[in-house]
Amino acid sequence: MLAWRVHELGEPATVMRLDTVARPEAGPGQLVVRVLGAAANFPDVLMCRGQYQVRPELPFAPGIELCGEVVALGEDVTGFAVGERVLGGTALPHGGFAEYAVMNANQTFSAPPDLDDAEAAALYIGYQTGWFGLHRRAALRPGETLLVHAAAGGVGSAAIQLGKAAGARVIGVVGGPEKAEYARELGADIVIDRRTQDFVEIVKAATDNRGADIVYDPVGGDTYARSTKCVAFEGRILVVGFAGGEIQSAALNHALVKNYSIVGLHWGLYNTHDRAAVAHCHRELTRLAADGAIRPLVSERLSLADLADGVQRLADGKTVGRVVHTP
């Protein structure tokens, strides 16, 4: 089979190599799937660079989430059948940027029938992150104002749809007119182009100077620091990641004076601390997909041969929406 593999660390387009390798086998608690769709995520970029908390042994195939057809079951795997369409996380080093991949059964779920293969491939990480962040950590309530940074990215786009589904007023911040149009298509009520507009002033004006009840921040750095200037009384700043490359320090005296909360989210921990909650979240996402309330907007469907270039464009911030490999 063909698989993109990383043999040395660096930029994706440089270090990803399309190899011919043997089809992987399922170990205990695992499944082998034929890849129907594999979504590119920023952690894939970071793993290529050696900058992610997960550092698989070289060489490895990136691709941390996918939709696939089950072709083999490992020992002690129940609840799945050969031929079933599933989605979830991959078991590295056999990631989804390949013709076949390995999945851990405890991170695998039935793919919603209302989503096609590419859409289902993009449902797991971004939407689970958004659901846990908005509902479990930030306790989003109908009628609240939600400010989403990097709103045209993987986790940001999911947060827009989930916020709207929960009855929030959603303000999306993006970089550039193409991404602004994408955020509008996702359903954002107000879209701000950070390259030409000041999101702090616009949020204040849109909320009668009250500020955003929830700030969804996968960027960090100066974006976080400036968000503290437009968070509401008893607001919550949800720290999702640091795609901007800078891990900021929080001024706790400012949080005290303005009476807001700084809430961390490491979604992956729920897979070990509360798997029942992850399964419940998937059921909720499946229901929302069936109702038409959420649907990943896949902007690019790439062949396997074009995948390394797509991952590099994701790394360079040149993609809009979800980039997914489909056979």
C-alpha atoms as a PDB file:
ATOM      1  CA  MET A   1       0.000   0.000   0.000  1.00  0.00           C
ATOM      2  CA  LEU A   2       0.967   3.670  -0.264  1.00  0.00           C
ATOM      3  CA  ALA A   3       1.565   5.787   2.831  1.00  0.00           C
ATOM      4  CA  TRP A   4       2.996   9.228   3.468  1.00  0.00           C
ATOM      5  CA  ARG A   5       5.709   8.764   6.098  1.00  0.00           C
ATOM      6  CA  VAL A   6       7.973  11.135   7.996  1.00  0.00           C
ATOM      7  CA  HIS A   7      11.581   9.933   8.083  1.00  0.00           C
ATOM      8  CA  GLU A   8      13.124  13.066   9.594  1.00  0.00           C
ATOM      9  CA  LEU A   9      11.689  16.126  11.295  1.00  0.00           C
ATOM     10  CA  GLY A  10      10.967  19.370   9.491  1.00  0.00           C
ATOM     11  CA  GLU A  11       8.401  21.086   7.293  1.00  0.00           C
ATOM     12  CA  PRO A  12       5.738  18.692   5.970  1.00  0.00           C
ATOM     13  CA  ALA A  13       6.451  19.207   2.271  1.00  0.00           C
ATOM     14  CA  THR A  14      10.114  18.435   2.908  1.00  0.00           C
ATOM     15  CA  VAL A  15       9.918  15.475   5.274  1.00  0.00           C
ATOM     16  CA  MET A  16       6.765  13.638   4.133  1.00  0.00           C
ATOM     17  CA  ARG A  17       7.641  10.857   1.666  1.00  0.00           C
ATOM     18  CA  LEU A  18       5.172   8.676  -0.232  1.00  0.00           C
ATOM     19  CA  ASP A  19       6.343   5.115   0.455  1.00  0.00           C
ATOM     20  CA  THR A  20       5.195   1.675  -0.584  1.00  0.00           C
ATOM     21  CA  VAL A  21       4.842  -0.346   2.623  1.00  0.00           C
ATOM     22  CA  ALA A  22       3.094  -3.459   3.918  1.00  0.00           C
ATOM     23  CA  ARG A  23      -0.482  -3.080   5.080  1.00  0.00           C
ATOM     24  CA  PRO A  24      -0.525  -2.716   8.882  1.00  0.00           C
ATOM     25  CA  GLU A  25      -1.994  -5.354  11.157  1.00  0.00           C
ATOM     26  CA  ALA A  26      -4.381  -4.821  14.073  1.00  0.00           C
ATOM     27  CA  GLY A  27      -2.985  -5.339  17.543  1.00  0.00           C
ATOM     28  CA  PRO A  28      -5.100  -6.079  20.611  1.00  0.00           C
ATOM     29  CA  GLY A  29      -7.879  -3.483  20.947  1.00  0.00           C
ATOM     30  CA  GLN A  30      -7.274  -2.134  17.459  1.00  0.00           C
ATOM     31  CA  LEU A  31      -8.897  -2.091  14.007  1.00  0.00           C
ATOM     32  CA  VAL A  32      -7.430  -1.829  10.534  1.00  0.00           C
ATOM     33  CA  VAL A  33      -9.445   0.375   8.178  1.00  0.00           C
ATOM     34  CA  ARG A  34      -9.341   1.297   4.523  1.00  0.00           C
ATOM     35  CA  VAL A  35      -9.081   5.073   4.568  1.00  0.00           C
ATOM     36  CA  LEU A  36     -12.148   6.762   3.069  1.00  0.00           C
ATOM     37  CA  GLY A  37     -11.209  10.239   4.232  1.00  0.00           C
ATOM     38  CA  ALA A  38      -8.405  11.694   6.360  1.00  0.00           C
ATOM     39  CA  ALA A  39      -8.562  15.292   7.595  1.00  0.00           C
ATOM     40  CA  ALA A  40      -5.400  17.352   7.999  1.00  0.00           C
ATOM     41  CA  ASN A  41      -4.998  18.974  11.415  1.00  0.00           C
ATOM     42  CA  PHE A  42      -2.421  21.371  12.833  1.00  0.00           C
ATOM     43  CA  PRO A  43      -1.091  18.672  15.206  1.00  0.00           C
ATOM     44  CA  ASP A  44      -0.066  16.760  12.065  1.00  0.00           C
ATOM     45  CA  VAL A  45       2.097  19.742  11.149  1.00  0.00           C
ATOM     46  CA  LEU A  46       3.566  19.927  14.644  1.00  0.00           C
ATOM     47  CA  MET A  47       4.377  16.207  14.637  1.00  0.00           C
ATOM     48  CA  CYS A  48       6.222  16.588  11.343  1.00  0.00           C
ATOM     49  CA  ARG A  49       8.259  19.327  13.023  1.00  0.00           C
ATOM     50  CA  GLY A  50       8.767  17.369  16.246  1.00  0.00           C
ATOM     51  CA  GLN A  51       6.951  20.080  18.210  1.00  0.00           C
ATOM     52  CA  TYR A  52       3.890  18.135  19.365  1.00  0.00           C
ATOM     53  CA  GLN A  53       3.446  16.453  22.752  1.00  0.00           C
ATOM     54  CA  VAL A  54       3.061  13.140  20.917  1.00  0.00           C
ATOM     55  CA  ARG A  55       6.334  12.159  19.249  1.00  0.00           C
ATOM     56  CA  PRO A  56       5.988   8.870  17.381  1.00  0.00           C
ATOM     57  CA  GLU A  57       9.124   6.951  16.521  1.00  0.00           C
ATOM     58  CA  LEU A  58      10.450   7.620  13.017  1.00  0.00           C
ATOM     59  CA  PRO A  59       9.335   6.779  10.388  1.00  0.00           C
ATOM     60  CA  PHE A  60       5.611   7.312  10.971  1.00  0.00           C
ATOM     61  CA  ALA A  61       2.532   8.093   8.909  1.00  0.00           C
ATOM     62  CA  PRO A  62       0.767  11.294  10.103  1.00  0.00           C
ATOM     63  CA  GLY A  63      -2.981  11.763   9.990  1.00  0.00           C
ATOM     64  CA  ILE A  64      -4.601  11.742  13.410  1.00  0.00           C
ATOM     65  CA  GLU A  65      -8.273  11.521  12.407  1.00  0.00           C
ATOM     66  CA  LEU A  66     -10.143   9.747   9.653  1.00  0.00           C
ATOM     67  CA  CYS A  67     -13.215   8.033   8.333  1.00  0.00           C
ATOM     68  CA  GLY A  68     -12.638   4.472   7.191  1.00  0.00           C
ATOM     69  CA  GLU A  69     -14.096   1.089   6.347  1.00  0.00           C
ATOM     70  CA  VAL A  70     -13.228  -1.671   8.806  1.00  0.00           C
ATOM     71  CA  VAL A  71     -11.216  -4.456   7.147  1.00  0.00           C
ATOM     72  CA  ALA A  72      -9.789  -6.289  10.172  1.00  0.00           C
ATOM     73  CA  LEU A  73     -10.417  -6.530  13.922  1.00  0.00           C
ATOM     74  CA  GLY A  74      -7.774  -7.099  16.539  1.00  0.00           C
ATOM     75  CA  GLU A  75      -8.009  -9.331  19.579  1.00  0.00           C
ATOM     76  CA  ASP A  76     -10.723  -8.430  22.095  1.00  0.00           C
ATOM     77  CA  VAL A  77     -12.405  -5.902  19.777  1.00  0.00           C
ATOM     78  CA  THR A  78     -16.188  -6.036  19.958  1.00  0.00           C
ATOM     79  CA  GLY A  79     -18.971  -3.761  18.767  1.00  0.00           C
ATOM     80  CA  PHE A  80     -17.604  -3.324  15.245  1.00  0.00           C
ATOM     81  CA  ALA A  81     -17.934  -5.381  12.073  1.00  0.00           C
ATOM     82  CA  VAL A  82     -15.849  -5.755   8.926  1.00  0.00           C
ATOM     83  CA  GLY A  83     -17.312  -3.435   6.288  1.00  0.00           C
ATOM     84  CA  GLU A  84     -18.634  -0.891   8.821  1.00  0.00           C
ATOM     85  CA  ARG A  85     -17.969   2.805   8.213  1.00  0.00           C
ATOM     86  CA  VAL A  86     -16.312   4.364  11.242  1.00  0.00           C
ATOM     87  CA  LEU A  87     -14.521   7.533  12.309  1.00  0.00           C
ATOM     88  CA  GLY A  88     -12.155   8.531  15.078  1.00  0.00           C
ATOM     89  CA  GLY A  89      -8.513   8.805  16.031  1.00  0.00           C
ATOM     90  CA  THR A  90      -5.643   6.821  14.572  1.00  0.00           C
ATOM     91  CA  ALA A  91      -3.045   4.671  16.307  1.00  0.00           C
ATOM     92  CA  LEU A  92       0.328   6.055  15.304  1.00  0.00           C
ATOM     93  CA  PRO A  93       2.686   5.251  13.640  1.00  0.00           C
ATOM     94  CA  HIS A  94      -0.021   4.009  11.252  1.00  0.00           C
ATOM     95  CA  GLY A  95      -1.884   7.293  10.692  1.00  0.00           C
ATOM     96  CA  GLY A  96      -4.530   8.227   8.167  1.00  0.00           C
ATOM     97  CA  PHE A  97      -2.309   9.697   5.431  1.00  0.00           C
ATOM     98  CA  ALA A  98      -2.221   6.291   3.781  1.00  0.00           C
ATOM     99  CA  GLU A  99      -4.418   3.790   1.978  1.00  0.00           C
ATOM    100  CA  TYR A 100      -4.896   1.778   5.193  1.00  0.00           C
ATOM    101  CA  ALA A 101      -4.546   2.867   8.817  1.00  0.00           C
ATOM    102  CA  VAL A 102      -4.863   1.544  12.364  1.00  0.00           C
ATOM    103  CA  MET A 103      -7.397   2.828  14.893  1.00  0.00           C
ATOM    104  CA  ASN A 104      -7.805   2.184  18.598  1.00  0.00           C
ATOM    105  CA  ALA A 105     -11.223   0.667  19.255  1.00  0.00           C
ATOM    106  CA  ASN A 106     -11.796   2.894  22.284  1.00  0.00           C
ATOM    107  CA  GLN A 107     -11.438   5.992  20.060  1.00  0.00           C
ATOM    108  CA  THR A 108     -13.557   4.663  17.187  1.00  0.00           C
ATOM    109  CA  PHE A 109     -17.225   5.419  16.532  1.00  0.00           C
ATOM    110  CA  SER A 110     -19.821   4.716  13.883  1.00  0.00           C
ATOM    111  CA  ALA A 111     -19.771   7.401  11.195  1.00  0.00           C
ATOM    112  CA  PRO A 112     -23.003   9.444  11.022  1.00  0.00           C
ATOM    113  CA  PRO A 113     -24.979   8.414   7.929  1.00  0.00           C
ATOM    114  CA  ASP A 114     -25.886  12.052   7.260  1.00  0.00           C
ATOM    115  CA  LEU A 115     -22.247  12.957   6.510  1.00  0.00           C
ATOM    116  CA  ASP A 116     -20.206  11.846   3.515  1.00  0.00           C
ATOM    117  CA  ASP A 117     -16.740  10.343   3.935  1.00  0.00           C
ATOM    118  CA  ALA A 118     -14.824  13.639   3.852  1.00  0.00           C
ATOM    119  CA  GLU A 119     -17.256  15.352   6.232  1.00  0.00           C
ATOM    120  CA  ALA A 120     -17.191  12.417   8.643  1.00  0.00           C
ATOM    121  CA  ALA A 121     -13.384  12.455   8.578  1.00  0.00           C
ATOM    122  CA  ALA A 122     -13.450  16.047   9.860  1.00  0.00           C
ATOM    123  CA  LEU A 123     -16.001  15.508  12.651  1.00  0.00           C
ATOM    124  CA  TYR A 124     -13.966  13.896  15.415  1.00  0.00           C
ATOM    125  CA  ILE A 125     -11.271  16.229  16.763  1.00  0.00           C
ATOM    126  CA  GLY A 126     -12.576  19.707  15.930  1.00  0.00           C
ATOM    127  CA  TYR A 127     -16.191  19.072  16.903  1.00  0.00           C
ATOM    128  CA  GLN A 128     -15.378  17.042  20.010  1.00  0.00           C
ATOM    129  CA  THR A 129     -13.003  19.821  21.082  1.00  0.00           C
ATOM    130  CA  GLY A 130     -15.685  22.439  20.462  1.00  0.00           C
ATOM    131  CA  TRP A 131     -18.422  20.487  22.229  1.00  0.00           C
ATOM    132  CA  PHE A 132     -16.343  19.830  25.361  1.00  0.00           C
ATOM    133  CA  GLY A 133     -15.010  23.375  25.364  1.00  0.00           C
ATOM    134  CA  LEU A 134     -18.321  25.154  24.965  1.00  0.00           C
ATOM    135  CA  HIS A 135     -20.580  22.847  26.972  1.00  0.00           C
ATOM    136  CA  ARG A 136     -18.417  21.024  29.508  1.00  0.00           C
ATOM    137  CA  ARG A 137     -15.804  23.677  30.286  1.00  0.00           C
ATOM    138  CA  ALA A 138     -17.383  27.056  29.486  1.00  0.00           C
ATOM    139  CA  ALA A 139     -21.071  26.193  30.137  1.00  0.00           C
ATOM    140  CA  LEU A 140     -22.369  28.130  27.145  1.00  0.00           C
ATOM    141  CA  ARG A 141     -25.947  29.367  27.570  1.00  0.00           C
ATOM    142  CA  PRO A 142     -28.456  30.384  24.886  1.00  0.00           C
ATOM    143  CA  GLY A 143     -28.310  34.094  24.128  1.00  0.00           C
ATOM    144  CA  GLU A 144     -24.683  34.536  25.162  1.00  0.00           C
ATOM    145  CA  THR A 145     -22.079  36.096  22.875  1.00  0.00           C
ATOM    146  CA  LEU A 146     -19.325  33.755  21.708  1.00  0.00           C
ATOM    147  CA  LEU A 147     -16.113  35.167  20.214  1.00  0.00           C
ATOM    148  CA  VAL A 148     -14.241  32.600  18.107  1.00  0.00           C
ATOM    149  CA  HIS A 149     -10.647  33.193  17.018  1.00  0.00           C
ATOM    150  CA  ALA A 150      -9.204  31.424  13.952  1.00  0.00           C
ATOM    151  CA  ALA A 151     -12.828  30.974  12.950  1.00  0.00           C
ATOM    152  CA  ALA A 152     -12.008  29.532   9.521  1.00  0.00           C
ATOM    153  CA  GLY A 153      -9.714  26.843  10.925  1.00  0.00           C
ATOM    154  CA  GLY A 154     -10.499  23.301  12.023  1.00  0.00           C
ATOM    155  CA  VAL A 155     -11.484  23.876  15.648  1.00  0.00           C
ATOM    156  CA  GLY A 156     -12.732  27.420  15.055  1.00  0.00           C
ATOM    157  CA  SER A 157     -15.135  26.436  12.291  1.00  0.00           C
ATOM    158  CA  ALA A 158     -16.592  23.706  14.489  1.00  0.00           C
ATOM    159  CA  ALA A 159     -17.019  26.184  17.361  1.00  0.00           C
ATOM    160  CA  ILE A 160     -19.050  28.525  15.141  1.00  0.00           C
ATOM    161  CA  GLN A 161     -21.543  25.813  14.199  1.00  0.00           C
ATOM    162  CA  LEU A 162     -21.752  24.392  17.710  1.00  0.00           C
ATOM    163  CA  GLY A 163     -22.235  27.863  19.163  1.00  0.00           C
ATOM    164  CA  LYS A 164     -25.063  28.610  16.759  1.00  0.00           C
ATOM    165  CA  ALA A 165     -26.636  25.223  17.476  1.00  0.00           C
ATOM    166  CA  ALA A 166     -26.601  26.114  21.180  1.00  0.00           C
ATOM    167  CA  GLY A 167     -28.354  29.449  20.626  1.00  0.00           C
ATOM    168  CA  ALA A 168     -25.350  31.755  20.956  1.00  0.00           C
ATOM    169  CA  ARG A 169     -24.614  34.942  19.059  1.00  0.00           C
ATOM    170  CA  VAL A 170     -21.302  34.152  17.332  1.00  0.00           C
ATOM    171  CA  ILE A 171     -18.554  36.594  16.353  1.00  0.00           C
ATOM    172  CA  GLY A 172     -15.787  35.059  14.229  1.00  0.00           C
ATOM    173  CA  VAL A 173     -12.281  36.475  13.795  1.00  0.00           C
ATOM    174  CA  VAL A 174     -10.345  35.499  10.666  1.00  0.00           C
ATOM    175  CA  GLY A 175      -7.391  36.623   8.591  1.00  0.00           C
ATOM    176  CA  GLY A 176      -8.349  37.721   5.096  1.00  0.00           C
ATOM    177  CA  PRO A 177     -11.486  38.167   2.963  1.00  0.00           C
ATOM    178  CA  GLU A 178     -11.597  34.572   1.713  1.00  0.00           C
ATOM    179  CA  LYS A 179     -11.635  33.264   5.260  1.00  0.00           C
ATOM    180  CA  ALA A 180     -14.225  35.878   6.203  1.00  0.00           C
ATOM    181  CA  GLU A 181     -16.579  34.557   3.539  1.00  0.00           C
ATOM    182  CA  TYR A 182     -16.037  31.021   4.824  1.00  0.00           C
ATOM    183  CA  ALA A 183     -16.914  32.090   8.400  1.00  0.00           C
ATOM    184  CA  ARG A 184     -20.125  33.673   7.140  1.00  0.00           C
ATOM    185  CA  GLU A 185     -21.005  30.453   5.342  1.00  0.00           C
ATOM    186  CA  LEU A 186     -20.504  28.606   8.630  1.00  0.00           C
ATOM    187  CA  GLY A 187     -23.131  30.856  10.206  1.00  0.00           C
ATOM    188  CA  ALA A 188     -21.201  33.512  12.150  1.00  0.00           C
ATOM    189  CA  ASP A 189     -23.404  36.511  12.950  1.00  0.00           C
ATOM    190  CA  ILE A 190     -20.494  38.968  12.780  1.00  0.00           C
ATOM    191  CA  VAL A 191     -17.182  38.355  11.001  1.00  0.00           C
ATOM    192  CA  ILE A 192     -14.040  40.378  11.731  1.00  0.00           C
ATOM    193  CA  ASP A 193     -10.961  40.435   9.489  1.00  0.00           C
ATOM    194  CA  ARG A 194      -8.138  40.878  11.976  1.00  0.00           C
ATOM    195  CA  ARG A 195      -5.855  42.157   9.204  1.00  0.00           C
ATOM    196  CA  THR A 196      -7.927  45.285   8.663  1.00  0.00           C
ATOM    197  CA  GLN A 197     -10.168  45.515  11.741  1.00  0.00           C
ATOM    198  CA  ASP A 198      -9.721  45.732  15.511  1.00  0.00           C
ATOM    199  CA  PHE A 199     -11.671  42.866  17.056  1.00  0.00           C
ATOM    200  CA  VAL A 200     -11.592  44.442  20.523  1.00  0.00           C
ATOM    201  CA  GLU A 201     -13.414  47.568  19.400  1.00  0.00           C
ATOM    202  CA  ILE A 202     -15.906  45.692  17.224  1.00  0.00           C
ATOM    203  CA  VAL A 203     -16.797  43.242  20.015  1.00  0.00           C
ATOM    204  CA  LYS A 204     -17.330  46.121  22.427  1.00  0.00           C
ATOM    205  CA  ALA A 205     -19.507  47.981  19.944  1.00  0.00           C
ATOM    206  CA  ALA A 206     -21.559  44.877  19.124  1.00  0.00           C
ATOM    207  CA  THR A 207     -22.241  44.164  22.797  1.00  0.00           C
ATOM    208  CA  ASP A 208     -22.914  47.715  24.051  1.00  0.00           C
ATOM    209  CA  ASN A 209     -19.480  47.674  25.699  1.00  0.00           C
ATOM    210  CA  ARG A 210     -20.298  44.542  27.705  1.00  0.00           C
ATOM    211  CA  GLY A 211     -17.916  42.194  25.915  1.00  0.00           C
ATOM    212  CA  ALA A 212     -18.047  38.548  24.883  1.00  0.00           C
ATOM    213  CA  ASP A 213     -19.344  36.009  27.377  1.00  0.00           C
ATOM    214  CA  ILE A 214     -17.045  33.299  25.996  1.00  0.00           C
ATOM    215  CA  VAL A 215     -13.787  33.710  24.089  1.00  0.00           C
ATOM    216  CA  TYR A 216     -12.767  30.567  22.186  1.00  0.00           C
ATOM    217  CA  ASP A 217      -9.014  30.910  21.659  1.00  0.00           C
ATOM    218  CA  PRO A 218      -6.956  28.335  19.756  1.00  0.00           C
ATOM    219  CA  VAL A 219      -4.323  30.976  18.893  1.00  0.00           C
ATOM    220  CA  GLY A 220      -2.787  32.287  22.122  1.00  0.00           C
ATOM    221  CA  GLY A 221      -0.112  34.970  22.375  1.00  0.00           C
ATOM    222  CA  ASP A 222      -1.250  38.508  21.637  1.00  0.00           C
ATOM    223  CA  THR A 223      -4.684  37.222  20.600  1.00  0.00           C
ATOM    224  CA  TYR A 224      -5.245  36.012  24.149  1.00  0.00           C
ATOM    225  CA  ALA A 225      -3.852  39.206  25.692  1.00  0.00           C
ATOM    226  CA  ARG A 226      -6.136  41.432  23.610  1.00  0.00           C
ATOM    227  CA  SER A 227      -9.133  39.179  24.267  1.00  0.00           C
ATOM    228  CA  THR A 228      -8.900  40.074  27.951  1.00  0.00           C
ATOM    229  CA  LYS A 229      -9.824  43.630  26.930  1.00  0.00           C
ATOM    230  CA  CYS A 230     -13.191  42.560  25.489  1.00  0.00           C
ATOM    231  CA  VAL A 231     -14.336  39.710  27.735  1.00  0.00           C
ATOM    232  CA  ALA A 232     -17.537  40.313  29.673  1.00  0.00           C
ATOM    233  CA  PHE A 233     -18.122  40.446  33.405  1.00  0.00           C
ATOM    234  CA  GLU A 234     -18.196  36.798  34.531  1.00  0.00           C
ATOM    235  CA  GLY A 235     -16.990  35.849  31.047  1.00  0.00           C
ATOM    236  CA  ARG A 236     -14.875  32.811  30.273  1.00  0.00           C
ATOM    237  CA  ILE A 237     -11.733  32.713  28.136  1.00  0.00           C
ATOM    238  CA  LEU A 238     -11.337  29.192  26.818  1.00  0.00           C
ATOM    239  CA  VAL A 239      -7.683  28.355  26.165  1.00  0.00           C
ATOM    240  CA  VAL A 240      -7.761  25.735  23.389  1.00  0.00           C
ATOM    241  CA  GLY A 241      -4.267  25.945  21.897  1.00  0.00           C
ATOM    242  CA  PHE A 242      -1.363  28.077  20.744  1.00  0.00           C
ATOM    243  CA  ALA A 243      -1.449  27.992  16.950  1.00  0.00           C
ATOM    244  CA  GLY A 244       0.108  31.458  16.922  1.00  0.00           C
ATOM    245  CA  GLY A 245       3.308  29.951  18.293  1.00  0.00           C
ATOM    246  CA  GLU A 246       3.456  31.945  21.545  1.00  0.00           C
ATOM    247  CA  ILE A 247       2.360  30.642  24.933  1.00  0.00           C
ATOM    248  CA  GLN A 248       1.314  33.719  26.843  1.00  0.00           C
ATOM    249  CA  SER A 249       1.401  34.370  30.576  1.00  0.00           C
ATOM    250  CA  ALA A 250      -1.937  35.193  32.179  1.00  0.00           C
ATOM    251  CA  ALA A 251      -2.206  38.342  34.291  1.00  0.00           C
ATOM    252  CA  LEU A 252      -4.192  36.893  37.173  1.00  0.00           C
ATOM    253  CA  ASN A 253      -4.684  40.299  38.789  1.00  0.00           C
ATOM    254  CA  HIS A 254      -6.543  41.342  35.630  1.00  0.00           C
ATOM    255  CA  ALA A 255      -8.804  38.284  35.841  1.00  0.00           C
ATOM    256  CA  LEU A 256      -9.560  39.235  39.442  1.00  0.00           C
ATOM    257  CA  VAL A 257     -10.283  42.891  38.702  1.00  0.00           C
ATOM    258  CA  LYS A 258     -12.546  42.128  35.709  1.00  0.00           C
ATOM    259  CA  ASN A 259     -14.089  39.017  37.285  1.00  0.00           C
ATOM    260  CA  TYR A 260     -13.593  36.603  34.397  1.00  0.00           C
ATOM    261  CA  SER A 261     -12.444  32.983  34.271  1.00  0.00           C
ATOM    262  CA  ILE A 262      -9.513  31.468  32.365  1.00  0.00           C
ATOM    263  CA  VAL A 263     -10.515  27.924  31.443  1.00  0.00           C
ATOM    264  CA  GLY A 264      -8.155  25.349  29.973  1.00  0.00           C
ATOM    265  CA  LEU A 265      -9.185  22.597  27.588  1.00  0.00           C
ATOM    266  CA  HIS A 266      -7.106  19.525  26.763  1.00  0.00           C
ATOM    267  CA  TRP A 267      -9.732  17.463  24.992  1.00  0.00           C
ATOM    268  CA  GLY A 268      -7.491  14.422  24.561  1.00  0.00           C
ATOM    269  CA  LEU A 269      -7.467  13.825  28.315  1.00  0.00           C
ATOM    270  CA  TYR A 270     -11.143  12.862  28.210  1.00  0.00           C
ATOM    271  CA  ASN A 271     -10.172   9.730  26.280  1.00  0.00           C
ATOM    272  CA  THR A 272      -8.425   8.481  29.420  1.00  0.00           C
ATOM    273  CA  HIS A 273     -10.346  10.268  32.193  1.00  0.00           C
ATOM    274  CA  ASP A 274     -13.948  10.039  30.981  1.00  0.00           C
ATOM    275  CA  ARG A 275     -14.511   7.850  27.933  1.00  0.00           C
ATOM    276  CA  ALA A 276     -18.236   7.729  28.644  1.00  0.00           C
ATOM    277  CA  ALA A 277     -18.357  11.496  28.135  1.00  0.00           C
ATOM    278  CA  VAL A 278     -16.566  11.138  24.789  1.00  0.00           C
ATOM    279  CA  ALA A 279     -19.137   8.540  23.671  1.00  0.00           C
ATOM    280  CA  HIS A 280     -21.959  10.834  24.835  1.00  0.00           C
ATOM    281  CA  CYS A 281     -20.429  13.711  22.903  1.00  0.00           C
ATOM    282  CA  HIS A 282     -20.324  11.605  19.727  1.00  0.00           C
ATOM    283  CA  ARG A 283     -24.003  10.756  20.135  1.00  0.00           C
ATOM    284  CA  GLU A 284     -24.799  14.450  20.488  1.00  0.00           C
ATOM    285  CA  LEU A 285     -22.751  15.316  17.403  1.00  0.00           C
ATOM    286  CA  THR A 286     -24.493  12.566  15.437  1.00  0.00           C
ATOM    287  CA  ARG A 287     -27.858  13.979  16.498  1.00  0.00           C
ATOM    288  CA  LEU A 288     -26.839  17.515  15.515  1.00  0.00           C
ATOM    289  CA  ALA A 289     -25.634  16.258  12.137  1.00  0.00           C
ATOM    290  CA  ALA A 290     -28.943  14.463  11.584  1.00  0.00           C
ATOM    291  CA  ASP A 291     -30.802  17.665  12.453  1.00  0.00           C
ATOM    292  CA  GLY A 292     -28.691  19.648   9.992  1.00  0.00           C
ATOM    293  CA  ALA A 293     -27.301  21.867  12.761  1.00  0.00           C
ATOM    294  CA  ILE A 294     -23.664  20.958  12.084  1.00  0.00           C
ATOM    295  CA  ARG A 295     -21.796  19.857   8.979  1.00  0.00           C
ATOM    296  CA  PRO A 296     -18.040  20.159   8.459  1.00  0.00           C
ATOM    297  CA  LEU A 297     -17.379  22.434   5.489  1.00  0.00           C
ATOM    298  CA  VAL A 298     -14.675  20.670   3.513  1.00  0.00           C
ATOM    299  CA  SER A 299     -13.009  23.212   1.253  1.00  0.00           C
ATOM    300  CA  GLU A 300     -10.461  20.883  -0.342  1.00  0.00           C
ATOM    301  CA  ARG A 301     -10.709  17.184  -1.174  1.00  0.00           C
ATOM    302  CA  LEU A 302      -7.223  16.062  -2.134  1.00  0.00           C
ATOM    303  CA  SER A 303      -5.893  12.924  -3.722  1.00  0.00           C
ATOM    304  CA  LEU A 304      -3.256  11.006  -1.792  1.00  0.00           C
ATOM    305  CA  ALA A 305      -0.578  12.281  -4.175  1.00  0.00           C
ATOM    306  CA  ASP A 306      -1.453  15.931  -3.391  1.00  0.00           C
ATOM    307  CA  LEU A 307      -1.693  15.524   0.373  1.00  0.00           C
ATOM    308  CA  ALA A 308       1.804  16.665   1.408  1.00  0.00           C
ATOM    309  CA  ASP A 309       1.292  19.953  -0.426  1.00  0.00           C
ATOM    310  CA  GLY A 310      -2.032  20.440   1.350  1.00  0.00           C
ATOM    311  CA  VAL A 311      -0.493  19.811   4.772  1.00  0.00           C
ATOM    312  CA  GLN A 312       2.252  22.317   4.008  1.00  0.00           C
ATOM    313  CA  ARG A 313      -0.302  24.961   3.021  1.00  0.00           C
ATOM    314  CA  LEU A 314      -2.074  24.266   6.322  1.00  0.00           C
ATOM    315  CA  ALA A 315       1.253  24.792   8.086  1.00  0.00           C
ATOM    316  CA  ASP A 316       1.726  28.097   6.256  1.00  0.00           C
ATOM    317  CA  GLY A 317      -1.763  29.352   7.144  1.00  0.00           C
ATOM    318  CA  LYS A 318      -2.840  29.381   3.498  1.00  0.00           C
ATOM    319  CA  THR A 319      -5.810  27.003   3.737  1.00  0.00           C
ATOM    320  CA  VAL A 320      -9.452  27.914   4.299  1.00  0.00           C
ATOM    321  CA  GLY A 321     -11.690  25.393   6.026  1.00  0.00           C
ATOM    322  CA  ARG A 322     -11.012  21.685   6.222  1.00  0.00           C
ATOM    323  CA  VAL A 323      -8.517  19.944   3.964  1.00  0.00           C
ATOM    324  CA  VAL A 324      -9.298  16.243   3.590  1.00  0.00           C
ATOM    325  CA  HIS A 325      -7.672  13.412   1.662  1.00  0.00           C
ATOM    326  CA  THR A 326     -10.219  11.209  -0.100  1.00  0.00           C
ATOM    327  CA  PRO A 327      -9.323   8.246  -2.353  1.00  0.00           C
END
